[in-house]
Amino acid sequence: MQEERQIQTKDAPDNVFMEQLTALLKSKEMLQIYTNFGDTQKFSVGFVYALTSTEILIAHVTPYGKYDGYIVKQLKDIYRIETQSKYINKLKKLYSHEKKEHTVIEQTHNSLVSDLLSFAYHNQKIVSLELLESDNDDIIGFVDSLQSGLARISTIDEYGKSDGVSFIKTDDITHAVCDSENEIALKTLAND
């Protein structure tokens, strides 16, 4: 029964939450966003940074109100949005004391995934990429190049060591994370 419900939920139109997300983008209000169908208690917190008809770019915040990089999610995966909760108010207070802010990501592509990959390339940031809705970090590494819908990633392992090169179609990326605590830790290991 659970699997059938997941499929029905995932097939919902991408723009169900568009009005709310657009308002949150304009107001710069913090939100909780739910996309994990397997564990409905899990969510991401941050600010809507950019929005297209199919994707959302979130300036992510840790559970302690600290900078946590950026996440691109597919709108079709969103099943719940929450704002103005006690938890969010707590994180807003903590984030306001944070010394590191989210920097500007130029939107030059017609894909937020491509914009995030371009940002990672130009700033030597590590990315974690899910492919084809696998629910895994299929590729983790540095973006070497990005052109014509093809990305070249120098992959690294969990210890920050080189682990080959992957070429992927950007259209196959269903979830992307850049510069979160995990990627920052891996970059530190890679630079040692």
Foldseek 3Di string as FASTA:
>chain_A
DLVVVQVVLLPPQLCPCVVVLVVQCVVQFKKWWAQDSVDRVDTWIAGFPDDDRFKTKGQTADLQLEGFFIKIATSSRTDDMDGDDPSSVNSVVRVVPYPDDDDDQDDDDNDVLLSVLVVCQVVVWWKFFDFQPPPHSPFIAGFPDDDDQKTKGQGADQQLHTDGIDIDGSVRTRMMGIRGPSRVVSVVSVVD
